[in-house]
Amino acid sequence: ESTRPYLRIIRGMLCDACNSVMSCLDGTKRWGP
């Protein structure tokens, strides 16, 4: 999801751990080791 420009794309179904990985890829969370 993005606000400027507005964009919302549904990608799929993930477990919580992999959803956090996607947050890292999206740049909303820092990568771990």
PDB file of all heavy atoms in Angstrom:
ATOM      1  N   GLU A   1       0.830  -1.197   0.000  1.00  0.00           N
ATOM      2  CA  GLU A   1       0.000   0.000   0.000  1.00  0.00           C
ATOM      3  C   GLU A   1       0.865   1.247   0.000  1.00  0.00           C
ATOM      4  O   GLU A   1       1.910   1.292   0.643  1.00  0.00           O
ATOM      5  CB  GLU A   1      -0.901  -0.008   1.235  1.00  0.00           C
ATOM      6  CG  GLU A   1      -1.897   1.101   1.265  1.00  0.00           C
ATOM      7  CD  GLU A   1      -2.914   0.911   2.374  1.00  0.00           C
ATOM      8  OE1 GLU A   1      -2.657   0.172   3.339  1.00  0.00           O
ATOM      9  OE2 GLU A   1      -3.980   1.523   2.267  1.00  0.00           O
ATOM     10  N   SER A   2       0.400   2.239  -0.728  1.00  0.00           N
ATOM     11  CA  SER A   2       1.072   3.526  -0.787  1.00  0.00           C
ATOM     12  C   SER A   2       0.015   4.623  -0.853  1.00  0.00           C
ATOM     13  O   SER A   2      -1.072   4.399  -1.389  1.00  0.00           O
ATOM     14  CB  SER A   2       1.956   3.580  -2.029  1.00  0.00           C
ATOM     15  OG  SER A   2       2.434   4.874  -2.213  1.00  0.00           O
ATOM     16  N   THR A   3       0.342   5.784  -0.345  1.00  0.00           N
ATOM     17  CA  THR A   3      -0.620   6.888  -0.394  1.00  0.00           C
ATOM     18  C   THR A   3      -0.347   7.870  -1.528  1.00  0.00           C
ATOM     19  O   THR A   3      -1.267   8.476  -2.031  1.00  0.00           O
ATOM     20  CB  THR A   3      -0.635   7.658   0.937  1.00  0.00           C
ATOM     21  OG1 THR A   3       0.691   8.073   1.251  1.00  0.00           O
ATOM     22  CG2 THR A   3      -1.188   6.788   2.039  1.00  0.00           C
ATOM     23  N   ARG A   4       0.907   8.037  -1.924  1.00  0.00           N
ATOM     24  CA  ARG A   4       1.239   8.986  -3.001  1.00  0.00           C
ATOM     25  C   ARG A   4       2.136   8.330  -4.019  1.00  0.00           C
ATOM     26  O   ARG A   4       3.328   8.184  -3.760  1.00  0.00           O
ATOM     27  CB  ARG A   4       1.955  10.207  -2.439  1.00  0.00           C
ATOM     28  CG  ARG A   4       1.040  11.081  -1.685  1.00  0.00           C
ATOM     29  CD  ARG A   4       1.757  12.337  -1.267  1.00  0.00           C
ATOM     30  NE  ARG A   4       1.393  12.582   0.122  1.00  0.00           N
ATOM     31  CZ  ARG A   4       2.169  13.144   1.010  1.00  0.00           C
ATOM     32  NH1 ARG A   4       3.361  13.530   0.700  1.00  0.00           N
ATOM     33  NH2 ARG A   4       1.764  13.320   2.233  1.00  0.00           N
ATOM     34  N   PRO A   5       1.663   7.940  -5.145  1.00  0.00           N
ATOM     35  CA  PRO A   5       0.258   7.904  -5.541  1.00  0.00           C
ATOM     36  C   PRO A   5      -0.439   6.775  -4.797  1.00  0.00           C
ATOM     37  O   PRO A   5       0.201   5.817  -4.354  1.00  0.00           O
ATOM     38  CB  PRO A   5       0.303   7.600  -7.035  1.00  0.00           C
ATOM     39  CG  PRO A   5       1.566   6.822  -7.201  1.00  0.00           C
ATOM     40  CD  PRO A   5       2.535   7.389  -6.196  1.00  0.00           C
ATOM     41  N   TYR A   6      -1.769   6.887  -4.678  1.00  0.00           N
ATOM     42  CA  TYR A   6      -2.506   5.849  -3.963  1.00  0.00           C
ATOM     43  C   TYR A   6      -2.418   4.550  -4.751  1.00  0.00           C
ATOM     44  O   TYR A   6      -2.711   4.508  -5.941  1.00  0.00           O
ATOM     45  CB  TYR A   6      -3.969   6.216  -3.738  1.00  0.00           C
ATOM     46  CG  TYR A   6      -4.670   5.119  -2.969  1.00  0.00           C
ATOM     47  CD1 TYR A   6      -4.456   4.980  -1.597  1.00  0.00           C
ATOM     48  CD2 TYR A   6      -5.460   4.184  -3.608  1.00  0.00           C
ATOM     49  CE1 TYR A   6      -5.030   3.951  -0.881  1.00  0.00           C
ATOM     50  CE2 TYR A   6      -6.052   3.149  -2.893  1.00  0.00           C
ATOM     51  CZ  TYR A   6      -5.837   3.037  -1.539  1.00  0.00           C
ATOM     52  OH  TYR A   6      -6.402   2.010  -0.845  1.00  0.00           O
ATOM     53  N   LEU A   7      -2.009   3.511  -4.065  1.00  0.00           N
ATOM     54  CA  LEU A   7      -1.868   2.198  -4.693  1.00  0.00           C
ATOM     55  C   LEU A   7      -2.074   1.151  -3.610  1.00  0.00           C
ATOM     56  O   LEU A   7      -1.496   1.246  -2.532  1.00  0.00           O
ATOM     57  CB  LEU A   7      -0.467   2.071  -5.294  1.00  0.00           C
ATOM     58  CG  LEU A   7      -0.119   0.794  -6.028  1.00  0.00           C
ATOM     59  CD1 LEU A   7      -0.991   0.632  -7.265  1.00  0.00           C
ATOM     60  CD2 LEU A   7       1.343   0.822  -6.431  1.00  0.00           C
ATOM     61  N   ARG A   8      -2.916   0.188  -3.886  1.00  0.00           N
ATOM     62  CA  ARG A   8      -3.140  -0.911  -2.945  1.00  0.00           C
ATOM     63  C   ARG A   8      -3.239  -2.184  -3.771  1.00  0.00           C
ATOM     64  O   ARG A   8      -4.139  -2.333  -4.585  1.00  0.00           O
ATOM     65  CB  ARG A   8      -4.408  -0.685  -2.146  1.00  0.00           C
ATOM     66  CG  ARG A   8      -4.607  -1.713  -1.072  1.00  0.00           C
ATOM     67  CD  ARG A   8      -5.863  -1.368  -0.269  1.00  0.00           C
ATOM     68  NE  ARG A   8      -6.052  -2.310   0.787  1.00  0.00           N
ATOM     69  CZ  ARG A   8      -5.533  -2.226   1.997  1.00  0.00           C
ATOM     70  NH1 ARG A   8      -4.773  -1.211   2.311  1.00  0.00           N
ATOM     71  NH2 ARG A   8      -5.759  -3.151   2.901  1.00  0.00           N
ATOM     72  N   ILE A   9      -2.295  -3.092  -3.543  1.00  0.00           N
ATOM     73  CA  ILE A   9      -2.227  -4.345  -4.284  1.00  0.00           C
ATOM     74  C   ILE A   9      -2.264  -5.497  -3.280  1.00  0.00           C
ATOM     75  O   ILE A   9      -1.445  -5.551  -2.365  1.00  0.00           O
ATOM     76  CB  ILE A   9      -0.906  -4.442  -5.093  1.00  0.00           C
ATOM     77  CG1 ILE A   9      -0.743  -3.254  -6.034  1.00  0.00           C
ATOM     78  CG2 ILE A   9      -0.819  -5.765  -5.830  1.00  0.00           C
ATOM     79  CD1 ILE A   9      -1.698  -3.219  -7.177  1.00  0.00           C
ATOM     80  N   ILE A  10      -3.199  -6.409  -3.470  1.00  0.00           N
ATOM     81  CA  ILE A  10      -3.258  -7.618  -2.646  1.00  0.00           C
ATOM     82  C   ILE A  10      -2.320  -8.636  -3.290  1.00  0.00           C
ATOM     83  O   ILE A  10      -2.446  -8.947  -4.470  1.00  0.00           O
ATOM     84  CB  ILE A  10      -4.694  -8.188  -2.589  1.00  0.00           C
ATOM     85  CG1 ILE A  10      -5.670  -7.146  -2.031  1.00  0.00           C
ATOM     86  CG2 ILE A  10      -4.721  -9.488  -1.789  1.00  0.00           C
ATOM     87  CD1 ILE A  10      -5.414  -6.713  -0.612  1.00  0.00           C
ATOM     88  N   ARG A  11      -1.346  -9.129  -2.507  1.00  0.00           N
ATOM     89  CA  ARG A  11      -0.373 -10.062  -3.070  1.00  0.00           C
ATOM     90  C   ARG A  11      -0.706 -11.511  -2.771  1.00  0.00           C
ATOM     91  O   ARG A  11      -0.503 -12.369  -3.623  1.00  0.00           O
ATOM     92  CB  ARG A  11       1.024  -9.725  -2.541  1.00  0.00           C
ATOM     93  CG  ARG A  11       1.557  -8.404  -3.086  1.00  0.00           C
ATOM     94  CD  ARG A  11       2.975  -8.135  -2.652  1.00  0.00           C
ATOM     95  NE  ARG A  11       3.038  -7.781  -1.241  1.00  0.00           N
ATOM     96  CZ  ARG A  11       3.910  -6.936  -0.718  1.00  0.00           C
ATOM     97  NH1 ARG A  11       4.829  -6.366  -1.480  1.00  0.00           N
ATOM     98  NH2 ARG A  11       3.916  -6.662   0.559  1.00  0.00           N
ATOM     99  N   GLY A  12      -1.137 -11.828  -1.565  1.00  0.00           N
ATOM    100  CA  GLY A  12      -1.378 -13.235  -1.258  1.00  0.00           C
ATOM    101  C   GLY A  12      -1.671 -13.471   0.203  1.00  0.00           C
ATOM    102  O   GLY A  12      -2.025 -12.556   0.938  1.00  0.00           O
ATOM    103  N   MET A  13      -1.486 -14.728   0.626  1.00  0.00           N
ATOM    104  CA  MET A  13      -1.747 -15.162   1.991  1.00  0.00           C
ATOM    105  C   MET A  13      -0.436 -15.656   2.599  1.00  0.00           C
ATOM    106  O   MET A  13       0.218 -16.539   2.034  1.00  0.00           O
ATOM    107  CB  MET A  13      -2.776 -16.291   2.017  1.00  0.00           C
ATOM    108  CG  MET A  13      -4.098 -15.971   1.355  1.00  0.00           C
ATOM    109  SD  MET A  13      -5.140 -14.846   2.292  1.00  0.00           S
ATOM    110  CE  MET A  13      -5.638 -15.884   3.651  1.00  0.00           C
ATOM    111  N   LEU A  14      -0.063 -15.075   3.743  1.00  0.00           N
ATOM    112  CA  LEU A  14       1.218 -15.392   4.373  1.00  0.00           C
ATOM    113  C   LEU A  14       1.058 -15.669   5.860  1.00  0.00           C
ATOM    114  O   LEU A  14       0.122 -15.192   6.497  1.00  0.00           O
ATOM    115  CB  LEU A  14       2.192 -14.221   4.215  1.00  0.00           C
ATOM    116  CG  LEU A  14       2.511 -13.753   2.806  1.00  0.00           C
ATOM    117  CD1 LEU A  14       3.439 -12.552   2.862  1.00  0.00           C
ATOM    118  CD2 LEU A  14       3.100 -14.859   1.979  1.00  0.00           C
ATOM    119  N   CYS A  15       2.037 -16.396   6.407  1.00  0.00           N
ATOM    120  CA  CYS A  15       2.117 -16.529   7.863  1.00  0.00           C
ATOM    121  C   CYS A  15       2.643 -15.198   8.414  1.00  0.00           C
ATOM    122  O   CYS A  15       3.153 -14.358   7.660  1.00  0.00           O
ATOM    123  CB  CYS A  15       3.041 -17.688   8.249  1.00  0.00           C
ATOM    124  SG  CYS A  15       4.783 -17.453   7.835  1.00  0.00           S
ATOM    125  N   ASP A  16       2.540 -14.991   9.713  1.00  0.00           N
ATOM    126  CA  ASP A  16       2.981 -13.732  10.315  1.00  0.00           C
ATOM    127  C   ASP A  16       4.464 -13.463  10.072  1.00  0.00           C
ATOM    128  O   ASP A  16       4.864 -12.330   9.798  1.00  0.00           O
ATOM    129  CB  ASP A  16       2.695 -13.721  11.820  1.00  0.00           C
ATOM    130  CG  ASP A  16       1.218 -13.529  12.123  1.00  0.00           C
ATOM    131  OD1 ASP A  16       0.515 -12.887  11.327  1.00  0.00           O
ATOM    132  OD2 ASP A  16       0.764 -14.032  13.169  1.00  0.00           O
ATOM    133  N   ALA A  17       5.290 -14.514  10.166  1.00  0.00           N
ATOM    134  CA  ALA A  17       6.735 -14.334   9.988  1.00  0.00           C
ATOM    135  C   ALA A  17       7.059 -13.849   8.573  1.00  0.00           C
ATOM    136  O   ALA A  17       7.842 -12.917   8.387  1.00  0.00           O
ATOM    137  CB  ALA A  17       7.477 -15.635  10.284  1.00  0.00           C
ATOM    138  N   CYS A  18       6.454 -14.463   7.573  1.00  0.00           N
ATOM    139  CA  CYS A  18       6.725 -14.060   6.181  1.00  0.00           C
ATOM    140  C   CYS A  18       6.093 -12.713   5.860  1.00  0.00           C
ATOM    141  O   CYS A  18       6.615 -11.963   5.035  1.00  0.00           O
ATOM    142  CB  CYS A  18       6.262 -15.139   5.210  1.00  0.00           C
ATOM    143  SG  CYS A  18       7.322 -16.608   5.273  1.00  0.00           S
ATOM    144  N   ASN A  19       4.993 -12.380   6.527  1.00  0.00           N
ATOM    145  CA  ASN A  19       4.402 -11.061   6.344  1.00  0.00           C
ATOM    146  C   ASN A  19       5.371  -9.988   6.841  1.00  0.00           C
ATOM    147  O   ASN A  19       5.503  -8.926   6.237  1.00  0.00           O
ATOM    148  CB  ASN A  19       3.060 -10.974   7.075  1.00  0.00           C
ATOM    149  CG  ASN A  19       2.226  -9.810   6.610  1.00  0.00           C
ATOM    150  OD1 ASN A  19       2.157  -9.508   5.426  1.00  0.00           O
ATOM    151  ND2 ASN A  19       1.581  -9.157   7.553  1.00  0.00           N
ATOM    152  N   SER A  20       6.101 -10.286   7.919  1.00  0.00           N
ATOM    153  CA  SER A  20       7.126  -9.355   8.416  1.00  0.00           C
ATOM    154  C   SER A  20       8.275  -9.225   7.425  1.00  0.00           C
ATOM    155  O   SER A  20       8.831  -8.138   7.247  1.00  0.00           O
ATOM    156  CB  SER A  20       7.669  -9.833   9.766  1.00  0.00           C
ATOM    157  OG  SER A  20       6.687  -9.704  10.753  1.00  0.00           O
ATOM    158  N   VAL A  21       8.614 -10.335   6.779  1.00  0.00           N
ATOM    159  CA  VAL A  21       9.666 -10.296   5.752  1.00  0.00           C
ATOM    160  C   VAL A  21       9.238  -9.356   4.616  1.00  0.00           C
ATOM    161  O   VAL A  21      10.034  -8.562   4.117  1.00  0.00           O
ATOM    162  CB  VAL A  21       9.969 -11.714   5.208  1.00  0.00           C
ATOM    163  CG1 VAL A  21      10.837 -11.663   3.966  1.00  0.00           C
ATOM    164  CG2 VAL A  21      10.624 -12.555   6.292  1.00  0.00           C
ATOM    165  N   MET A  22       7.973  -9.427   4.225  1.00  0.00           N
ATOM    166  CA  MET A  22       7.489  -8.549   3.153  1.00  0.00           C
ATOM    167  C   MET A  22       7.498  -7.085   3.598  1.00  0.00           C
ATOM    168  O   MET A  22       7.725  -6.194   2.777  1.00  0.00           O
ATOM    169  CB  MET A  22       6.100  -8.973   2.686  1.00  0.00           C
ATOM    170  CG  MET A  22       6.086 -10.298   1.944  1.00  0.00           C
ATOM    171  SD  MET A  22       7.286 -10.432   0.588  1.00  0.00           S
ATOM    172  CE  MET A  22       6.649  -9.208  -0.546  1.00  0.00           C
ATOM    173  N   SER A  23       7.299  -6.827   4.885  1.00  0.00           N
ATOM    174  CA  SER A  23       7.403  -5.454   5.398  1.00  0.00           C
ATOM    175  C   SER A  23       8.830  -4.943   5.229  1.00  0.00           C
ATOM    176  O   SER A  23       9.045  -3.772   4.947  1.00  0.00           O
ATOM    177  CB  SER A  23       6.994  -5.392   6.873  1.00  0.00           C
ATOM    178  OG  SER A  23       5.637  -5.690   7.009  1.00  0.00           O
ATOM    179  N   CYS A  24       9.800  -5.831   5.399  1.00  0.00           N
ATOM    180  CA  CYS A  24      11.206  -5.454   5.185  1.00  0.00           C
ATOM    181  C   CYS A  24      11.442  -5.158   3.711  1.00  0.00           C
ATOM    182  O   CYS A  24      12.080  -4.159   3.358  1.00  0.00           O
ATOM    183  CB  CYS A  24      12.142  -6.555   5.657  1.00  0.00           C
ATOM    184  SG  CYS A  24      12.052  -6.891   7.422  1.00  0.00           S
ATOM    185  N   LEU A  25      10.933  -6.002   2.835  1.00  0.00           N
ATOM    186  CA  LEU A  25      11.089  -5.780   1.395  1.00  0.00           C
ATOM    187  C   LEU A  25      10.409  -4.473   0.983  1.00  0.00           C
ATOM    188  O   LEU A  25      10.936  -3.726   0.160  1.00  0.00           O
ATOM    189  CB  LEU A  25      10.503  -6.946   0.596  1.00  0.00           C
ATOM    190  CG  LEU A  25      10.678  -6.856  -0.917  1.00  0.00           C
ATOM    191  CD1 LEU A  25      12.150  -7.031  -1.298  1.00  0.00           C
ATOM    192  CD2 LEU A  25       9.828  -7.893  -1.622  1.00  0.00           C
ATOM    193  N   ASP A  26       9.257  -4.183   1.584  1.00  0.00           N
ATOM    194  CA  ASP A  26       8.521  -2.964   1.254  1.00  0.00           C
ATOM    195  C   ASP A  26       9.175  -1.712   1.828  1.00  0.00           C
ATOM    196  O   ASP A  26       8.798  -0.603   1.479  1.00  0.00           O
ATOM    197  CB  ASP A  26       7.085  -3.048   1.786  1.00  0.00           C
ATOM    198  CG  ASP A  26       6.243  -4.056   1.019  1.00  0.00           C
ATOM    199  OD1 ASP A  26       6.630  -4.446  -0.094  1.00  0.00           O
ATOM    200  OD2 ASP A  26       5.182  -4.450   1.555  1.00  0.00           O
ATOM    201  N   GLY A  27      10.136  -1.888   2.731  1.00  0.00           N
ATOM    202  CA  GLY A  27      10.834  -0.738   3.304  1.00  0.00           C
ATOM    203  C   GLY A  27      10.106  -0.112   4.482  1.00  0.00           C
ATOM    204  O   GLY A  27      10.382   1.023   4.843  1.00  0.00           O
ATOM    205  N   THR A  28       9.187  -0.840   5.096  1.00  0.00           N
ATOM    206  CA  THR A  28       8.490  -0.302   6.260  1.00  0.00           C
ATOM    207  C   THR A  28       9.041  -0.872   7.563  1.00  0.00           C
ATOM    208  O   THR A  28       8.597  -0.495   8.638  1.00  0.00           O
ATOM    209  CB  THR A  28       6.969  -0.583   6.183  1.00  0.00           C
ATOM    210  OG1 THR A  28       6.753  -1.983   6.066  1.00  0.00           O
ATOM    211  CG2 THR A  28       6.352   0.136   4.986  1.00  0.00           C
ATOM    212  N   LYS A  29      10.006  -1.773   7.443  1.00  0.00           N
ATOM    213  CA  LYS A  29      10.625  -2.405   8.609  1.00  0.00           C
ATOM    214  C   LYS A  29      12.076  -2.725   8.246  1.00  0.00           C
ATOM    215  O   LYS A  29      12.377  -3.017   7.092  1.00  0.00           O
ATOM    216  CB  LYS A  29       9.849  -3.689   8.935  1.00  0.00           C
ATOM    217  CG  LYS A  29      10.275  -4.415  10.151  1.00  0.00           C
ATOM    218  CD  LYS A  29       9.375  -5.611  10.383  1.00  0.00           C
ATOM    219  CE  LYS A  29       9.923  -6.467  11.475  1.00  0.00           C
ATOM    220  NZ  LYS A  29       9.164  -7.699  11.634  1.00  0.00           N
ATOM    221  N   ARG A  30      12.969  -2.694   9.234  1.00  0.00           N
ATOM    222  CA  ARG A  30      14.387  -2.989   8.979  1.00  0.00           C
ATOM    223  C   ARG A  30      14.623  -4.493   8.879  1.00  0.00           C
ATOM    224  O   ARG A  30      14.013  -5.288   9.589  1.00  0.00           O
ATOM    225  CB  ARG A  30      15.246  -2.425  10.091  1.00  0.00           C
ATOM    226  CG  ARG A  30      15.277  -0.923  10.050  1.00  0.00           C
ATOM    227  CD  ARG A  30      16.350  -0.392  10.975  1.00  0.00           C
ATOM    228  NE  ARG A  30      16.430   1.035  10.814  1.00  0.00           N
ATOM    229  CZ  ARG A  30      16.021   1.909  11.721  1.00  0.00           C
ATOM    230  NH1 ARG A  30      15.520   1.493  12.859  1.00  0.00           N
ATOM    231  NH2 ARG A  30      16.106   3.195  11.490  1.00  0.00           N
ATOM    232  N   TRP A  31      15.534  -4.865   7.999  1.00  0.00           N
ATOM    233  CA  TRP A  31      15.936  -6.269   7.853  1.00  0.00           C
ATOM    234  C   TRP A  31      16.719  -6.705   9.080  1.00  0.00           C
ATOM    235  O   TRP A  31      17.466  -5.926   9.670  1.00  0.00           O
ATOM    236  CB  TRP A  31      16.836  -6.460   6.633  1.00  0.00           C
ATOM    237  CG  TRP A  31      16.108  -6.429   5.341  1.00  0.00           C
ATOM    238  CD1 TRP A  31      16.033  -5.383   4.468  1.00  0.00           C
ATOM    239  CD2 TRP A  31      15.355  -7.492   4.739  1.00  0.00           C
ATOM    240  NE1 TRP A  31      15.273  -5.721   3.380  1.00  0.00           N
ATOM    241  CE2 TRP A  31      14.851  -7.012   3.512  1.00  0.00           C
ATOM    242  CE3 TRP A  31      15.059  -8.792   5.127  1.00  0.00           C
ATOM    243  CZ2 TRP A  31      14.069  -7.792   2.672  1.00  0.00           C
ATOM    244  CZ3 TRP A  31      14.278  -9.569   4.291  1.00  0.00           C
ATOM    245  CH2 TRP A  31      13.787  -9.071   3.080  1.00  0.00           C
ATOM    246  N   GLY A  32      16.598  -7.965   9.430  1.00  0.00           N
ATOM    247  CA  GLY A  32      17.361  -8.554  10.520  1.00  0.00           C
ATOM    248  C   GLY A  32      18.577  -9.278   9.965  1.00  0.00           C
ATOM    249  O   GLY A  32      18.921  -9.145   8.779  1.00  0.00           O
ATOM    250  N   PRO A  33      19.218 -10.108  10.788  1.00  0.00           N
ATOM    251  CA  PRO A  33      20.448 -10.784  10.373  1.00  0.00           C
ATOM    252  C   PRO A  33      20.235 -11.856   9.300  1.00  0.00           C
ATOM    253  O   PRO A  33      21.190 -12.266   8.657  1.00  0.00           O
ATOM    254  CB  PRO A  33      20.969 -11.414  11.673  1.00  0.00           C
ATOM    255  CG  PRO A  33      19.780 -11.496  12.571  1.00  0.00           C
ATOM    256  CD  PRO A  33      18.884 -10.358  12.184  1.00  0.00           C
TER     257      PRO A  33
END
